[in-house]
Protein backbone atom coordinates (compact mmCIF):
# COMPACT_ATOMS: atom_id res chain seq x y z
CA MET A 1 -18.40 4.83 -16.14
CA SER A 2 -15.82 5.75 -18.56
CA ILE A 3 -13.65 2.88 -19.64
CA ALA A 4 -10.41 5.05 -19.37
CA PHE A 5 -11.17 6.12 -15.88
CA LEU A 6 -11.67 2.48 -15.32
CA LEU A 7 -7.88 1.00 -16.48
CA GLY A 8 -6.69 4.07 -14.96
CA ARG A 9 -7.55 2.97 -11.41
CA ILE A 10 -6.38 -0.66 -12.08
CA ALA A 11 -3.68 0.08 -13.14
CA PHE A 12 -2.65 2.70 -10.11
CA VAL A 13 -3.50 0.41 -7.80
CA ALA A 14 -2.05 -2.43 -9.47
CA ILE A 15 1.18 -2.54 -7.57
CA PHE A 16 -0.96 -2.70 -4.30
CA LEU A 17 -3.00 -5.62 -5.35
CA VAL A 18 0.05 -7.62 -6.95
CA SER A 19 2.29 -6.97 -4.23
CA GLY A 20 -0.46 -7.93 -1.44
CA ILE A 21 -1.23 -11.00 -3.42
CA PHE A 22 2.63 -12.19 -3.04
CA ASN A 23 3.00 -11.28 0.24
CA LEU A 24 -0.22 -13.45 1.31
CA MET A 25 1.66 -16.00 -0.57
CA GLU A 26 5.05 -15.68 0.67
CA ARG A 27 3.95 -14.31 4.04
CA GLY A 28 7.66 -15.90 5.63
CA LYS A 29 9.26 -13.65 3.28
CA ALA A 30 7.33 -10.77 4.25
CA ALA A 31 7.69 -11.18 7.74
CA ALA A 32 11.63 -11.44 7.35
CA LEU A 33 11.69 -7.92 5.48
CA ILE A 34 9.45 -6.59 8.18
CA GLN A 35 11.08 -8.07 11.19
CA SER A 36 15.02 -7.00 9.44
CA LYS A 37 13.15 -3.11 9.26
CA ILE A 38 11.24 -2.95 12.60
CA THR A 39 11.70 -3.64 15.94
CA ILE A 40 8.65 -3.77 18.52
CA PRO A 41 9.31 -1.69 21.60
CA SER A 42 10.07 -4.31 24.68
CA ASN A 43 7.32 -2.55 26.24
CA LEU A 44 4.79 -3.92 23.76
CA GLY A 45 5.83 -7.57 25.07
CA ASN A 46 1.90 -8.45 26.37
CA VAL A 47 0.47 -6.97 23.17
CA VAL A 48 3.04 -9.16 21.26
CA LYS A 49 2.19 -12.49 23.33
CA ASN A 50 -1.76 -11.53 23.18
CA ALA A 51 -1.88 -11.13 19.69
CA GLU A 52 0.41 -14.35 19.03
CA GLY A 53 -1.70 -16.16 21.16
CA VAL A 54 -5.51 -15.09 19.82
CA THR A 55 -3.89 -15.68 16.14
CA GLY A 56 -1.57 -18.42 16.34
CA LEU A 57 1.01 -16.54 14.00
CA PRO A 58 4.53 -14.96 14.98
CA ILE A 59 4.12 -11.27 15.22
CA TYR A 60 6.08 -9.97 12.33
CA GLU A 61 4.15 -12.80 10.09
CA LEU A 62 0.69 -11.58 11.89
CA ILE A 63 2.27 -8.06 10.68
CA ALA A 64 2.75 -9.21 7.02
CA LEU A 65 -0.45 -10.68 6.80
CA VAL A 66 -2.35 -7.17 8.01
CA VAL A 67 -0.17 -5.46 5.44
CA ALA A 68 -1.49 -7.58 2.43
CA ILE A 69 -4.83 -7.47 3.55
CA ILE A 70 -4.56 -3.61 3.47
CA SER A 71 -3.30 -3.83 0.14
CA ILE A 72 -5.44 -6.31 -1.70
CA VAL A 73 -8.63 -4.66 0.26
CA PHE A 74 -8.44 -1.06 -0.55
CA ALA A 75 -6.87 -1.54 -3.93
CA LEU A 76 -10.24 -3.27 -4.59
CA LEU A 77 -12.39 -0.57 -3.29
CA ILE A 78 -10.16 1.75 -5.56
CA ILE A 79 -10.69 -0.34 -8.29
CA PHE A 80 -14.67 -0.73 -8.07
CA ASN A 81 -14.79 3.29 -7.15
CA ILE A 82 -16.33 2.12 -3.69
CA LEU A 83 -14.73 3.89 -0.35
CA THR A 84 -12.20 6.11 -2.75
CA ARG A 85 -11.58 8.85 -0.59
CA LEU A 86 -11.17 6.44 2.63
CA SER A 87 -9.11 3.66 0.60
CA ALA A 88 -6.75 6.24 -1.36
CA LEU A 89 -6.17 7.80 2.28
CA ILE A 90 -5.29 4.30 3.94
CA LEU A 91 -3.13 3.38 1.03
CA LEU A 92 -1.45 6.87 1.10
CA ILE A 93 -0.78 6.22 5.07
CA TYR A 94 0.92 2.84 4.25
CA THR A 95 2.64 3.97 1.97
CA GLY A 96 4.21 6.87 3.92
CA ILE A 97 5.15 4.66 6.52
CA ALA A 98 6.59 1.85 4.42
CA THR A 99 8.44 4.14 1.99
CA TYR A 100 10.08 5.45 5.37
CA PHE A 101 11.05 2.02 6.93
CA LEU A 102 11.59 0.23 3.41
CA TYR A 103 14.11 2.64 1.90
CA ASP A 104 15.80 4.55 4.08
CA PHE A 105 18.34 5.77 1.74
CA TRP A 106 19.78 8.63 4.52
CA ASN A 107 21.57 5.61 6.09
CA MET A 108 23.16 4.34 3.25
CA SER A 109 25.83 5.45 0.57
CA GLY A 110 26.72 4.57 -2.39
CA ASP A 111 24.73 2.49 -5.53
CA PRO A 112 22.41 1.21 -2.41
CA LYS A 113 21.77 5.47 -1.32
CA ALA A 114 20.84 6.02 -5.13
CA LEU A 115 19.00 2.83 -5.93
CA ASN A 116 17.21 3.31 -2.32
CA MET A 117 16.40 6.81 -3.15
CA THR A 118 15.17 6.04 -6.63
CA LEU A 119 12.57 3.70 -5.16
CA ALA A 120 11.34 6.34 -2.41
CA LEU A 121 11.01 8.60 -5.24
CA GLN A 122 8.71 6.28 -7.18
CA SER A 123 6.82 6.05 -3.37
CA LEU A 124 6.60 9.34 -3.17
CA SER A 125 5.05 9.72 -6.64
CA ILE A 126 2.27 6.84 -6.10
CA MET A 127 1.76 9.19 -2.86
CA GLY A 128 1.00 11.98 -5.36
CA GLY A 129 -1.48 10.12 -7.15
CA LEU A 130 -3.21 8.63 -3.94
CA LEU A 131 -3.83 11.99 -2.64
CA MET A 132 -5.38 13.14 -6.08
CA LEU A 133 -7.57 10.20 -5.78
CA PHE A 134 -8.44 11.15 -2.17
CA VAL A 135 -9.08 14.79 -3.06
CA LEU A 136 -10.92 13.62 -6.23
CA GLY A 137 -13.12 10.51 -4.77
CA ALA A 138 -15.38 8.39 -6.39
CA TRP A 139 -15.41 10.43 -9.34
CA ARG A 140 -18.17 9.83 -11.99
CA PRO A 141 -18.06 11.35 -15.31
CA GLY A 142 -21.14 12.33 -16.99
CA SER A 143 -22.74 10.86 -19.73
CA VAL A 144 -21.35 10.16 -23.15
CA GLU A 145 -22.38 13.36 -25.02
CA ASP A 146 -21.09 15.52 -22.19
CA ASP A 147 -17.97 13.64 -21.45
CA ASP A 148 -15.25 14.26 -24.69
CA TYR A 149 -13.11 11.49 -23.18
CA ALA A 150 -15.61 8.31 -22.96
CA VAL A 151 -14.42 5.38 -24.26
């Protein structure tokens, strides 16, 4: 396997891995952010109560935990070139949803709008990379003789 491709995969998903670890360590803060951006519909009250009863966690903390696990697990799968297409697709969907809810610049004005638009565009770039990774899948470079870019 090409060292350059491995390093590229690590660098590409580092944001998911690091943010997932921080969200695990600071689950309360992540839950508060999610709660400030997403309202769970009242008709899901029984589902929420059941999930909280089974896990012993408030629903927004449970969502923060699931999001952190998704970020970490699928980033690691991409790093190790395992289930690459599935992992890229799941992170692509996750990034799209998170971008929509976190960077709602269309409801803002002034400096917050500019900052959130920039962050949304950065997420769009990441989604483009994930889409390319989804198309490529678990690419494996040829032999060193055939691969001019092998390190």
